[in-house]
PDB file of N, CA and C in Angstrom:
ATOM      1  N   MET A   1       0.798  -1.202  -0.038  1.00  0.00           N
ATOM      2  CA  MET A   1      -0.061  -0.038  -0.024  1.00  0.00           C
ATOM      3  C   MET A   1       0.874   1.272   0.023  1.00  0.00           C
ATOM      4  N   TRP A   2       2.034   1.153   0.571  1.00  0.00           N
ATOM      5  CA  TRP A   2       2.927   2.355   0.626  1.00  0.00           C
ATOM      6  C   TRP A   2       3.220   2.881  -0.804  1.00  0.00           C
ATOM      7  N   LEU A   3       3.502   1.956  -1.735  1.00  0.00           N
ATOM      8  CA  LEU A   3       3.781   2.375  -3.098  1.00  0.00           C
ATOM      9  C   LEU A   3       2.595   3.112  -3.713  1.00  0.00           C
ATOM     10  N   ARG A   4       1.397   2.656  -3.459  1.00  0.00           N
ATOM     11  CA  ARG A   4       0.192   3.281  -3.966  1.00  0.00           C
ATOM     12  C   ARG A   4       0.093   4.659  -3.448  1.00  0.00           C
ATOM     13  N   ASN A   5       0.302   4.864  -2.171  1.00  0.00           N
ATOM     14  CA  ASN A   5       0.227   6.199  -1.471  1.00  0.00           C
ATOM     15  C   ASN A   5       1.373   7.106  -2.012  1.00  0.00           C
ATOM     16  N   SER A   6       2.553   6.575  -2.248  1.00  0.00           N
ATOM     17  CA  SER A   6       3.639   7.317  -2.795  1.00  0.00           C
ATOM     18  C   SER A   6       3.286   7.829  -4.187  1.00  0.00           C
ATOM     19  N   PHE A   7       2.686   6.934  -4.959  1.00  0.00           N
ATOM     20  CA  PHE A   7       2.267   7.241  -6.290  1.00  0.00           C
ATOM     21  C   PHE A   7       1.239   8.391  -6.347  1.00  0.00           C
ATOM     22  N   VAL A   8       0.248   8.336  -5.399  1.00  0.00           N
ATOM     23  CA  VAL A   8      -0.737   9.400  -5.297  1.00  0.00           C
ATOM     24  C   VAL A   8      -0.034  10.696  -4.955  1.00  0.00           C
ATOM     25  N   MET A   9       0.842  10.688  -3.993  1.00  0.00           N
ATOM     26  CA  MET A   9       1.593  11.893  -3.538  1.00  0.00           C
ATOM     27  C   MET A   9       2.359  12.482  -4.640  1.00  0.00           C
ATOM     28  N   ASP A  10       3.180  11.662  -5.322  1.00  0.00           N
ATOM     29  CA  ASP A  10       4.004  12.141  -6.413  1.00  0.00           C
ATOM     30  C   ASP A  10       3.176  12.761  -7.578  1.00  0.00           C
ATOM     31  N   THR A  11       2.106  12.102  -7.932  1.00  0.00           N
ATOM     32  CA  THR A  11       1.325  12.567  -8.978  1.00  0.00           C
ATOM     33  C   THR A  11       0.526  13.848  -8.624  1.00  0.00           C
ATOM     34  N   LEU A  12       0.081  13.933  -7.393  1.00  0.00           N
ATOM     35  CA  LEU A  12      -0.556  15.131  -6.905  1.00  0.00           C
ATOM     36  C   LEU A  12       0.439  16.297  -6.852  1.00  0.00           C
ATOM     37  N   THR A  13       1.639  16.017  -6.490  1.00  0.00           N
ATOM     38  CA  THR A  13       2.668  17.038  -6.482  1.00  0.00           C
ATOM     39  C   THR A  13       2.855  17.621  -7.906  1.00  0.00           C
ATOM     40  N   ALA A  14       2.980  16.822  -8.878  1.00  0.00           N
ATOM     41  CA  ALA A  14       3.121  17.261 -10.263  1.00  0.00           C
ATOM     42  C   ALA A  14       1.910  18.083 -10.706  1.00  0.00           C
ATOM     43  N   TYR A  15       0.718  17.613 -10.434  1.00  0.00           N
ATOM     44  CA  TYR A  15      -0.482  18.322 -10.762  1.00  0.00           C
ATOM     45  C   TYR A  15      -0.495  19.637 -10.032  1.00  0.00           C
ATOM     46  N   GLN A  16      -0.115  19.646  -8.757  1.00  0.00           N
ATOM     47  CA  GLN A  16      -0.090  20.866  -7.934  1.00  0.00           C
ATOM     48  C   GLN A  16       0.771  21.919  -8.499  1.00  0.00           C
ATOM     49  N   GLU A  17       1.973  21.514  -8.981  1.00  0.00           N
ATOM     50  CA  GLU A  17       2.896  22.449  -9.623  1.00  0.00           C
ATOM     51  C   GLU A  17       2.247  23.194 -10.734  1.00  0.00           C
ATOM     52  N   VAL A  18       1.542  22.459 -11.621  1.00  0.00           N
ATOM     53  CA  VAL A  18       0.849  23.133 -12.783  1.00  0.00           C
ATOM     54  C   VAL A  18      -0.309  23.974 -12.283  1.00  0.00           C
ATOM     55  N   VAL A  19      -1.123  23.524 -11.373  1.00  0.00           N
ATOM     56  CA  VAL A  19      -2.220  24.257 -10.804  1.00  0.00           C
ATOM     57  C   VAL A  19      -1.716  25.589 -10.170  1.00  0.00           C
ATOM     58  N   ASP A  20      -0.666  25.521  -9.384  1.00  0.00           N
ATOM     59  CA  ASP A  20      -0.093  26.716  -8.768  1.00  0.00           C
ATOM     60  C   ASP A  20       0.433  27.662  -9.842  1.00  0.00           C
ATOM     61  N   PHE A  21       1.050  27.206 -10.841  1.00  0.00           N
ATOM     62  CA  PHE A  21       1.580  28.025 -11.943  1.00  0.00           C
ATOM     63  C   PHE A  21       0.370  28.743 -12.605  1.00  0.00           C
ATOM     64  N   ILE A  22      -0.583  28.019 -12.894  1.00  0.00           N
ATOM     65  CA  ILE A  22      -1.825  28.662 -13.661  1.00  0.00           C
ATOM     66  C   ILE A  22      -2.521  29.636 -12.685  1.00  0.00           C
ATOM     67  N   ALA A  23      -2.739  29.237 -11.511  1.00  0.00           N
ATOM     68  CA  ALA A  23      -3.451  30.059 -10.521  1.00  0.00           C
ATOM     69  C   ALA A  23      -2.758  31.358 -10.218  1.00  0.00           C
ATOM     70  N   ALA A  24      -1.443  31.419 -10.234  1.00  0.00           N
ATOM     71  CA  ALA A  24      -0.657  32.575  -9.998  1.00  0.00           C
ATOM     72  C   ALA A  24      -0.751  33.623 -11.114  1.00  0.00           C
ATOM     73  N   GLY A  25      -1.415  33.254 -12.172  1.00  0.00           N
ATOM     74  CA  GLY A  25      -1.452  34.173 -13.365  1.00  0.00           C
ATOM     75  C   GLY A  25      -0.216  34.013 -14.104  1.00  0.00           C
ATOM     76  N   THR A  26      -0.255  34.258 -15.394  1.00  0.00           N
ATOM     77  CA  THR A  26       0.894  33.973 -16.209  1.00  0.00           C
ATOM     78  C   THR A  26       0.820  34.784 -17.502  1.00  0.00           C
ATOM     79  N   THR A  27       1.885  34.756 -18.234  1.00  0.00           N
ATOM     80  CA  THR A  27       1.993  35.358 -19.504  1.00  0.00           C
ATOM     81  C   THR A  27       2.450  34.340 -20.497  1.00  0.00           C
ATOM     82  N   PRO A  28       2.336  34.604 -21.804  1.00  0.00           N
ATOM     83  CA  PRO A  28       2.824  33.653 -22.850  1.00  0.00           C
ATOM     84  C   PRO A  28       4.296  33.291 -22.575  1.00  0.00           C
ATOM     85  N   ARG A  29       5.128  34.393 -22.247  1.00  0.00           N
ATOM     86  CA  ARG A  29       6.535  34.109 -21.975  1.00  0.00           C
ATOM     87  C   ARG A  29       6.759  33.148 -20.795  1.00  0.00           C
ATOM     88  N   ASN A  30       6.026  33.343 -19.753  1.00  0.00           N
ATOM     89  CA  ASN A  30       6.112  32.477 -18.595  1.00  0.00           C
ATOM     90  C   ASN A  30       5.738  31.086 -18.935  1.00  0.00           C
ATOM     91  N   VAL A  31       4.714  30.903 -19.758  1.00  0.00           N
ATOM     92  CA  VAL A  31       4.341  29.552 -20.161  1.00  0.00           C
ATOM     93  C   VAL A  31       5.480  28.845 -20.912  1.00  0.00           C
ATOM     94  N   VAL A  32       6.058  29.615 -21.925  1.00  0.00           N
ATOM     95  CA  VAL A  32       7.204  29.039 -22.682  1.00  0.00           C
ATOM     96  C   VAL A  32       8.343  28.703 -21.728  1.00  0.00           C
ATOM     97  N   ASP A  33       8.595  29.472 -20.684  1.00  0.00           N
ATOM     98  CA  ASP A  33       9.762  29.223 -19.775  1.00  0.00           C
ATOM     99  C   ASP A  33       9.448  28.277 -18.702  1.00  0.00           C
ATOM    100  N   PHE A  34       8.157  27.845 -18.561  1.00  0.00           N
ATOM    101  CA  PHE A  34       7.860  26.950 -17.490  1.00  0.00           C
ATOM    102  C   PHE A  34       8.656  25.621 -17.463  1.00  0.00           C
ATOM    103  N   ARG A  35       9.146  25.250 -16.353  1.00  0.00           N
ATOM    104  CA  ARG A  35       9.824  23.970 -16.177  1.00  0.00           C
ATOM    105  C   ARG A  35       9.343  23.284 -14.882  1.00  0.00           C
ATOM    106  N   PRO A  36       9.180  22.010 -14.921  1.00  0.00           N
ATOM    107  CA  PRO A  36       8.808  21.287 -13.759  1.00  0.00           C
ATOM    108  C   PRO A  36       9.947  21.312 -12.681  1.00  0.00           C
ATOM    109  N   SER A  37       9.564  21.033 -11.412  1.00  0.00           N
ATOM    110  CA  SER A  37      10.566  21.025 -10.392  1.00  0.00           C
ATOM    111  C   SER A  37      11.582  19.968 -10.645  1.00  0.00           C
ATOM    112  N   ASP A  38      12.745  20.100  -9.993  1.00  0.00           N
ATOM    113  CA  ASP A  38      13.790  19.089 -10.058  1.00  0.00           C
ATOM    114  C   ASP A  38      13.293  17.773  -9.568  1.00  0.00           C
ATOM    115  N   GLU A  39      12.492  17.829  -8.520  1.00  0.00           N
ATOM    116  CA  GLU A  39      11.908  16.575  -7.932  1.00  0.00           C
ATOM    117  C   GLU A  39      11.069  15.876  -8.929  1.00  0.00           C
ATOM    118  N   SER A  40      10.193  16.581  -9.669  1.00  0.00           N
ATOM    119  CA  SER A  40       9.345  15.944 -10.691  1.00  0.00           C
ATOM    120  C   SER A  40      10.237  15.402 -11.746  1.00  0.00           C
ATOM    121  N   GLN A  41      11.177  16.140 -12.240  1.00  0.00           N
ATOM    122  CA  GLN A  41      12.051  15.681 -13.327  1.00  0.00           C
ATOM    123  C   GLN A  41      12.760  14.405 -12.975  1.00  0.00           C
ATOM    124  N   GLU A  42      13.337  14.367 -11.741  1.00  0.00           N
ATOM    125  CA  GLU A  42      13.980  13.161 -11.262  1.00  0.00           C
ATOM    126  C   GLU A  42      13.097  11.972 -11.172  1.00  0.00           C
ATOM    127  N   ARG A  43      11.837  12.152 -10.743  1.00  0.00           N
ATOM    128  CA  ARG A  43      10.910  11.061 -10.620  1.00  0.00           C
ATOM    129  C   ARG A  43      10.599  10.496 -12.016  1.00  0.00           C
ATOM    130  N   VAL A  44      10.312  11.341 -13.003  1.00  0.00           N
ATOM    131  CA  VAL A  44      10.052  10.928 -14.346  1.00  0.00           C
ATOM    132  C   VAL A  44      11.231  10.167 -14.918  1.00  0.00           C
ATOM    133  N   SER A  45      12.420  10.746 -14.677  1.00  0.00           N
ATOM    134  CA  SER A  45      13.678  10.026 -15.142  1.00  0.00           C
ATOM    135  C   SER A  45      13.772   8.624 -14.524  1.00  0.00           C
ATOM    136  N   ASP A  46      13.488   8.524 -13.287  1.00  0.00           N
ATOM    137  CA  ASP A  46      13.521   7.205 -12.573  1.00  0.00           C
ATOM    138  C   ASP A  46      12.499   6.256 -13.176  1.00  0.00           C
ATOM    139  N   LEU A  47      11.263   6.716 -13.400  1.00  0.00           N
ATOM    140  CA  LEU A  47      10.257   5.900 -13.951  1.00  0.00           C
ATOM    141  C   LEU A  47      10.577   5.462 -15.414  1.00  0.00           C
ATOM    142  N   LEU A  48      11.109   6.352 -16.203  1.00  0.00           N
ATOM    143  CA  LEU A  48      11.460   6.026 -17.560  1.00  0.00           C
ATOM    144  C   LEU A  48      12.638   4.978 -17.553  1.00  0.00           C
ATOM    145  N   PHE A  49      13.573   5.139 -16.660  1.00  0.00           N
ATOM    146  CA  PHE A  49      14.655   4.131 -16.515  1.00  0.00           C
ATOM    147  C   PHE A  49      14.073   2.792 -16.119  1.00  0.00           C
ATOM    148  N   ARG A  50      13.190   2.720 -15.162  1.00  0.00           N
ATOM    149  CA  ARG A  50      12.564   1.532 -14.750  1.00  0.00           C
ATOM    150  C   ARG A  50      11.778   0.832 -15.829  1.00  0.00           C
ATOM    151  N   GLU A  51      11.098   1.665 -16.617  1.00  0.00           N
ATOM    152  CA  GLU A  51      10.306   1.137 -17.698  1.00  0.00           C
ATOM    153  C   GLU A  51      11.228   0.580 -18.782  1.00  0.00           C
ATOM    154  N   LYS A  52      12.270   1.275 -19.131  1.00  0.00           N
ATOM    155  CA  LYS A  52      13.282   0.809 -20.081  1.00  0.00           C
ATOM    156  C   LYS A  52      13.888  -0.572 -19.740  1.00  0.00           C
ATOM    157  N   ASN A  53      14.088  -0.722 -18.400  1.00  0.00           N
ATOM    158  CA  ASN A  53      14.732  -1.922 -17.990  1.00  0.00           C
ATOM    159  C   ASN A  53      13.737  -3.034 -17.506  1.00  0.00           C
ATOM    160  N   GLY A  54      12.517  -2.803 -17.779  1.00  0.00           N
ATOM    161  CA  GLY A  54      11.463  -3.774 -17.406  1.00  0.00           C
ATOM    162  C   GLY A  54      11.225  -3.974 -15.965  1.00  0.00           C
ATOM    163  N   GLU A  55      11.525  -2.956 -15.147  1.00  0.00           N
ATOM    164  CA  GLU A  55      11.360  -3.035 -13.740  1.00  0.00           C
ATOM    165  C   GLU A  55      10.222  -2.260 -13.192  1.00  0.00           C
ATOM    166  N   ILE A  56       9.345  -1.696 -14.075  1.00  0.00           N
ATOM    167  CA  ILE A  56       8.312  -0.835 -13.644  1.00  0.00           C
ATOM    168  C   ILE A  56       7.074  -1.644 -13.176  1.00  0.00           C
ATOM    169  N   THR A  57       6.503  -1.195 -12.030  1.00  0.00           N
ATOM    170  CA  THR A  57       5.308  -1.886 -11.499  1.00  0.00           C
ATOM    171  C   THR A  57       4.062  -1.299 -12.181  1.00  0.00           C
ATOM    172  N   PRO A  58       2.924  -1.965 -12.074  1.00  0.00           N
ATOM    173  CA  PRO A  58       1.691  -1.364 -12.661  1.00  0.00           C
ATOM    174  C   PRO A  58       1.332  -0.034 -12.043  1.00  0.00           C
ATOM    175  N   ASP A  59       1.564   0.195 -10.761  1.00  0.00           N
ATOM    176  CA  ASP A  59       1.294   1.538 -10.195  1.00  0.00           C
ATOM    177  C   ASP A  59       2.292   2.585 -10.737  1.00  0.00           C
ATOM    178  N   GLU A  60       3.509   2.159 -10.886  1.00  0.00           N
ATOM    179  CA  GLU A  60       4.521   3.164 -11.459  1.00  0.00           C
ATOM    180  C   GLU A  60       4.150   3.416 -12.938  1.00  0.00           C
ATOM    181  N   ARG A  61       3.675   2.453 -13.624  1.00  0.00           N
ATOM    182  CA  ARG A  61       3.272   2.692 -15.067  1.00  0.00           C
ATOM    183  C   ARG A  61       2.129   3.710 -15.110  1.00  0.00           C
ATOM    184  N   SER A  62       1.232   3.535 -14.209  1.00  0.00           N
ATOM    185  CA  SER A  62       0.068   4.508 -14.147  1.00  0.00           C
ATOM    186  C   SER A  62       0.606   5.877 -13.740  1.00  0.00           C
ATOM    187  N   GLU A  63       1.469   5.971 -12.861  1.00  0.00           N
ATOM    188  CA  GLU A  63       2.103   7.220 -12.468  1.00  0.00           C
ATOM    189  C   GLU A  63       2.818   7.839 -13.637  1.00  0.00           C
ATOM    190  N   LEU A  64       3.542   7.111 -14.416  1.00  0.00           N
ATOM    191  CA  LEU A  64       4.249   7.670 -15.570  1.00  0.00           C
ATOM    192  C   LEU A  64       3.253   8.074 -16.617  1.00  0.00           C
ATOM    193  N   ASP A  65       2.172   7.396 -16.744  1.00  0.00           N
ATOM    194  CA  ASP A  65       1.106   7.838 -17.731  1.00  0.00           C
ATOM    195  C   ASP A  65       0.577   9.155 -17.337  1.00  0.00           C
ATOM    196  N   HIS A  66       0.360   9.416 -16.065  1.00  0.00           N
ATOM    197  CA  HIS A  66      -0.102  10.708 -15.593  1.00  0.00           C
ATOM    198  C   HIS A  66       0.912  11.841 -15.890  1.00  0.00           C
ATOM    199  N   TYR A  67       2.206  11.524 -15.663  1.00  0.00           N
ATOM    200  CA  TYR A  67       3.197  12.518 -15.934  1.00  0.00           C
ATOM    201  C   TYR A  67       3.245  12.814 -17.455  1.00  0.00           C
ATOM    202  N   MET A  68       3.043  11.831 -18.303  1.00  0.00           N
ATOM    203  CA  MET A  68       3.066  12.053 -19.694  1.00  0.00           C
ATOM    204  C   MET A  68       1.839  12.881 -20.161  1.00  0.00           C
ATOM    205  N   GLN A  69       0.712  12.650 -19.469  1.00  0.00           N
ATOM    206  CA  GLN A  69      -0.524  13.518 -19.732  1.00  0.00           C
ATOM    207  C   GLN A  69      -0.231  14.992 -19.405  1.00  0.00           C
ATOM    208  N   ILE A  70       0.436  15.104 -18.260  1.00  0.00           N
ATOM    209  CA  ILE A  70       0.712  16.540 -17.828  1.00  0.00           C
ATOM    210  C   ILE A  70       1.745  17.146 -18.837  1.00  0.00           C
ATOM    211  N   GLU A  71       2.713  16.390 -19.264  1.00  0.00           N
ATOM    212  CA  GLU A  71       3.713  16.921 -20.224  1.00  0.00           C
ATOM    213  C   GLU A  71       3.005  17.263 -21.461  1.00  0.00           C
ATOM    214  N   HIS A  72       2.036  16.437 -22.002  1.00  0.00           N
ATOM    215  CA  HIS A  72       1.403  16.737 -23.261  1.00  0.00           C
ATOM    216  C   HIS A  72       0.653  17.998 -23.147  1.00  0.00           C
ATOM    217  N   LEU A  73      -0.102  18.237 -22.008  1.00  0.00           N
ATOM    218  CA  LEU A  73      -0.833  19.446 -21.863  1.00  0.00           C
ATOM    219  C   LEU A  73       0.136  20.714 -21.769  1.00  0.00           C
ATOM    220  N   ILE A  74       1.241  20.546 -21.101  1.00  0.00           N
ATOM    221  CA  ILE A  74       2.219  21.670 -21.090  1.00  0.00           C
ATOM    222  C   ILE A  74       2.742  21.943 -22.509  1.00  0.00           C
ATOM    223  N   ARG A  75       3.028  20.925 -23.250  1.00  0.00           N
ATOM    224  CA  ARG A  75       3.594  21.164 -24.611  1.00  0.00           C
ATOM    225  C   ARG A  75       2.563  21.891 -25.448  1.00  0.00           C
ATOM    226  N   LEU A  76       1.309  21.479 -25.341  1.00  0.00           N
ATOM    227  CA  LEU A  76       0.242  22.218 -26.126  1.00  0.00           C
ATOM    228  C   LEU A  76       0.196  23.673 -25.721  1.00  0.00           C
ATOM    229  N   ALA A  77       0.206  23.928 -24.379  1.00  0.00           N
ATOM    230  CA  ALA A  77       0.215  25.293 -23.858  1.00  0.00           C
ATOM    231  C   ALA A  77       1.350  26.031 -24.365  1.00  0.00           C
ATOM    232  N   LYS A  78       2.555  25.451 -24.401  1.00  0.00           N
ATOM    233  CA  LYS A  78       3.790  26.207 -24.800  1.00  0.00           C
ATOM    234  C   LYS A  78       3.696  26.505 -26.307  1.00  0.00           C
ATOM    235  N   ALA A  79       3.170  25.628 -27.077  1.00  0.00           N
ATOM    236  CA  ALA A  79       2.973  25.860 -28.536  1.00  0.00           C
ATOM    237  C   ALA A  79       2.043  27.016 -28.757  1.00  0.00           C
ATOM    238  N   LYS A  80       0.965  27.084 -28.054  1.00  0.00           N
ATOM    239  CA  LYS A  80       0.023  28.142 -28.226  1.00  0.00           C
ATOM    240  C   LYS A  80       0.633  29.448 -27.704  1.00  0.00           C
ATOM    241  N   ALA A  81       1.417  29.429 -26.636  1.00  0.00           N
ATOM    242  CA  ALA A  81       2.088  30.624 -26.105  1.00  0.00           C
ATOM    243  C   ALA A  81       3.065  31.138 -27.139  1.00  0.00           C
ATOM    244  N   ARG A  82       3.753  30.235 -27.760  1.00  0.00           N
ATOM    245  CA  ARG A  82       4.749  30.703 -28.796  1.00  0.00           C
ATOM    246  C   ARG A  82       3.971  31.342 -29.974  1.00  0.00           C
ATOM    247  N   GLU A  83       2.791  30.886 -30.294  1.00  0.00           N
ATOM    248  CA  GLU A  83       2.000  31.578 -31.336  1.00  0.00           C
ATOM    249  C   GLU A  83       1.666  33.022 -30.973  1.00  0.00           C
ATOM    250  N   TYR A  84       1.197  33.150 -29.655  1.00  0.00           N
ATOM    251  CA  TYR A  84       0.871  34.409 -29.148  1.00  0.00           C
ATOM    252  C   TYR A  84       2.080  35.392 -29.204  1.00  0.00           C
ATOM    253  N   LEU A  85       3.248  34.865 -28.830  1.00  0.00           N
ATOM    254  CA  LEU A  85       4.500  35.705 -28.861  1.00  0.00           C
ATOM    255  C   LEU A  85       4.848  36.135 -30.240  1.00  0.00           C
ATOM    256  N   ALA A  86       4.687  35.160 -31.251  1.00  0.00           N
ATOM    257  CA  ALA A  86       5.047  35.432 -32.600  1.00  0.00           C
ATOM    258  C   ALA A  86       4.100  36.452 -33.215  1.00  0.00           C
ATOM    259  N   ASN A  87       2.933  36.614 -32.728  1.00  0.00           N
ATOM    260  CA  ASN A  87       1.948  37.570 -33.294  1.00  0.00           C
ATOM    261  C   ASN A  87       1.967  38.867 -32.543  1.00  0.00           C
ATOM    262  N   GLU A  88       2.842  39.046 -31.565  1.00  0.00           N
ATOM    263  CA  GLU A  88       2.872  40.315 -30.880  1.00  0.00           C
ATOM    264  C   GLU A  88       3.453  41.447 -31.696  1.00  0.00           C
TER     265      GLU A  88
END
């Protein structure tokens, strides 16, 4: 059960970073410059390593899927922000 709780906490932390960023208000430049925390980046790197080496658990796979969804959303936002900046 600890792994499951850790998964929930790690995923919530990643979502919370994005929510805090949006809630604080932003500009297209800030969206383009947004980077996840070192902690989130390290966690994703670890999960990708475990996946590559066939060591990932089902809970970790689910966690990685959530991180990939967040990354996809951020990439879309960055692309749109770049369009706004190009049209200024």
